[in-house]
Amino acid sequence: MGQQLREDFWTESYHVSTWDDYLRHNMRRTKADAEVSARILKLHRGAAPPRVHRMIERHSAFPHYDMPLKATNEQI
């Protein structure tokens, strides 16, 4: 069975090669990103701030077999 959808649970997933790439992604926020995050945070109903959990998935294949989610100029 798949994961049950919950109204109080938000999931985002990122496909990055390394943990450093993930951290770099989070550090390069634009003003527009910050504005969107602030608008989303206003939707939170709890008294305490939302809790964040990060999960790391180990590659099950060699990196050269990995397919990117978005085509690069070299692939077009």
C-alpha atoms as a PDB file:
ATOM      1  CA  MET A   1       0.000   0.000   0.000  1.00  0.00           C
ATOM      2  CA  GLY A   2       1.129   3.554  -0.677  1.00  0.00           C
ATOM      3  CA  GLN A   3       1.634   6.296   1.855  1.00  0.00           C
ATOM      4  CA  GLN A   4      -1.645   7.567   3.238  1.00  0.00           C
ATOM      5  CA  LEU A   5      -2.290  11.248   2.486  1.00  0.00           C
ATOM      6  CA  ARG A   6      -2.615  13.461   5.527  1.00  0.00           C
ATOM      7  CA  GLU A   7      -4.047  16.959   5.572  1.00  0.00           C
ATOM      8  CA  ASP A   8      -1.539  18.021   8.253  1.00  0.00           C
ATOM      9  CA  PHE A   9       1.566  16.672   6.506  1.00  0.00           C
ATOM     10  CA  TRP A  10       3.574  18.313   3.699  1.00  0.00           C
ATOM     11  CA  THR A  11       6.215  16.449   1.705  1.00  0.00           C
ATOM     12  CA  GLU A  12       8.783  17.887  -0.683  1.00  0.00           C
ATOM     13  CA  SER A  13      11.477  15.884  -2.400  1.00  0.00           C
ATOM     14  CA  TYR A  14      14.675  17.038  -4.068  1.00  0.00           C
ATOM     15  CA  HIS A  15      16.886  15.121  -6.429  1.00  0.00           C
ATOM     16  CA  VAL A  16      20.472  16.229  -5.813  1.00  0.00           C
ATOM     17  CA  SER A  17      23.774  14.417  -6.163  1.00  0.00           C
ATOM     18  CA  THR A  18      25.211  15.224  -2.751  1.00  0.00           C
ATOM     19  CA  TRP A  19      24.232  16.564   0.653  1.00  0.00           C
ATOM     20  CA  ASP A  20      26.397  19.633  -0.102  1.00  0.00           C
ATOM     21  CA  ASP A  21      24.302  20.296  -3.227  1.00  0.00           C
ATOM     22  CA  TYR A  22      21.147  20.113  -1.112  1.00  0.00           C
ATOM     23  CA  LEU A  23      22.578  22.553   1.451  1.00  0.00           C
ATOM     24  CA  ARG A  24      23.726  24.893  -1.323  1.00  0.00           C
ATOM     25  CA  HIS A  25      20.230  24.762  -2.831  1.00  0.00           C
ATOM     26  CA  ASN A  26      18.714  25.861   0.485  1.00  0.00           C
ATOM     27  CA  MET A  27      21.247  28.661   0.983  1.00  0.00           C
ATOM     28  CA  ARG A  28      20.566  30.219  -2.438  1.00  0.00           C
ATOM     29  CA  ARG A  29      17.082  31.464  -1.735  1.00  0.00           C
ATOM     30  CA  THR A  30      15.815  34.434  -3.672  1.00  0.00           C
ATOM     31  CA  LYS A  31      13.564  37.189  -2.370  1.00  0.00           C
ATOM     32  CA  ALA A  32      10.697  35.553  -4.277  1.00  0.00           C
ATOM     33  CA  ASP A  33      11.462  32.218  -2.556  1.00  0.00           C
ATOM     34  CA  ALA A  34      11.333  33.924   0.854  1.00  0.00           C
ATOM     35  CA  GLU A  35       8.019  35.592  -0.008  1.00  0.00           C
ATOM     36  CA  VAL A  36       6.483  32.282  -1.066  1.00  0.00           C
ATOM     37  CA  SER A  37       7.739  30.592   2.115  1.00  0.00           C
ATOM     38  CA  ALA A  38       6.223  33.372   4.230  1.00  0.00           C
ATOM     39  CA  ARG A  39       2.868  33.001   2.452  1.00  0.00           C
ATOM     40  CA  ILE A  40       2.926  29.229   2.935  1.00  0.00           C
ATOM     41  CA  LEU A  41       3.825  29.607   6.624  1.00  0.00           C
ATOM     42  CA  LYS A  42       0.690  31.744   7.091  1.00  0.00           C
ATOM     43  CA  LEU A  43      -1.349  28.641   6.187  1.00  0.00           C
ATOM     44  CA  HIS A  44       0.038  26.798   9.225  1.00  0.00           C
ATOM     45  CA  ARG A  45      -2.661  26.297  11.874  1.00  0.00           C
ATOM     46  CA  GLY A  46      -0.665  25.018  14.840  1.00  0.00           C
ATOM     47  CA  ALA A  47       0.554  27.070  17.794  1.00  0.00           C
ATOM     48  CA  ALA A  48       4.132  25.796  17.445  1.00  0.00           C
ATOM     49  CA  PRO A  49       6.152  26.270  14.249  1.00  0.00           C
ATOM     50  CA  PRO A  50       6.016  23.428  11.726  1.00  0.00           C
ATOM     51  CA  ARG A  51       8.479  20.594  12.339  1.00  0.00           C
ATOM     52  CA  VAL A  52      10.929  19.724   9.578  1.00  0.00           C
ATOM     53  CA  HIS A  53      12.240  16.204   8.993  1.00  0.00           C
ATOM     54  CA  ARG A  54      14.896  15.410   6.430  1.00  0.00           C
ATOM     55  CA  MET A  55      15.437  11.954   5.020  1.00  0.00           C
ATOM     56  CA  ILE A  56      18.375  10.860   2.925  1.00  0.00           C
ATOM     57  CA  GLU A  57      17.946   8.136   0.337  1.00  0.00           C
ATOM     58  CA  ARG A  58      20.959   6.112  -0.620  1.00  0.00           C
ATOM     59  CA  HIS A  59      21.607   5.590  -4.328  1.00  0.00           C
ATOM     60  CA  SER A  60      20.696   2.110  -5.444  1.00  0.00           C
ATOM     61  CA  ALA A  61      22.524   2.491  -8.761  1.00  0.00           C
ATOM     62  CA  PHE A  62      25.824   3.895  -9.912  1.00  0.00           C
ATOM     63  CA  PRO A  63      25.653   7.691 -10.516  1.00  0.00           C
ATOM     64  CA  HIS A  64      26.322   7.282 -14.265  1.00  0.00           C
ATOM     65  CA  TYR A  65      23.114   5.212 -14.517  1.00  0.00           C
ATOM     66  CA  ASP A  66      21.114   7.894 -12.760  1.00  0.00           C
ATOM     67  CA  MET A  67      18.733   9.868 -14.952  1.00  0.00           C
ATOM     68  CA  PRO A  68      18.275  13.591 -14.250  1.00  0.00           C
ATOM     69  CA  LEU A  69      14.766  14.885 -13.644  1.00  0.00           C
ATOM     70  CA  LYS A  70      15.362  17.846 -15.956  1.00  0.00           C
ATOM     71  CA  ALA A  71      17.180  17.783 -19.283  1.00  0.00           C
ATOM     72  CA  THR A  72      20.337  19.863 -19.533  1.00  0.00           C
ATOM     73  CA  ASN A  73      21.541  21.696 -22.644  1.00  0.00           C
ATOM     74  CA  GLU A  74      24.032  18.887 -23.255  1.00  0.00           C
ATOM     75  CA  GLN A  75      21.178  16.346 -23.481  1.00  0.00           C
ATOM     76  CA  ILE A  76      19.082  18.331 -25.927  1.00  0.00           C
END
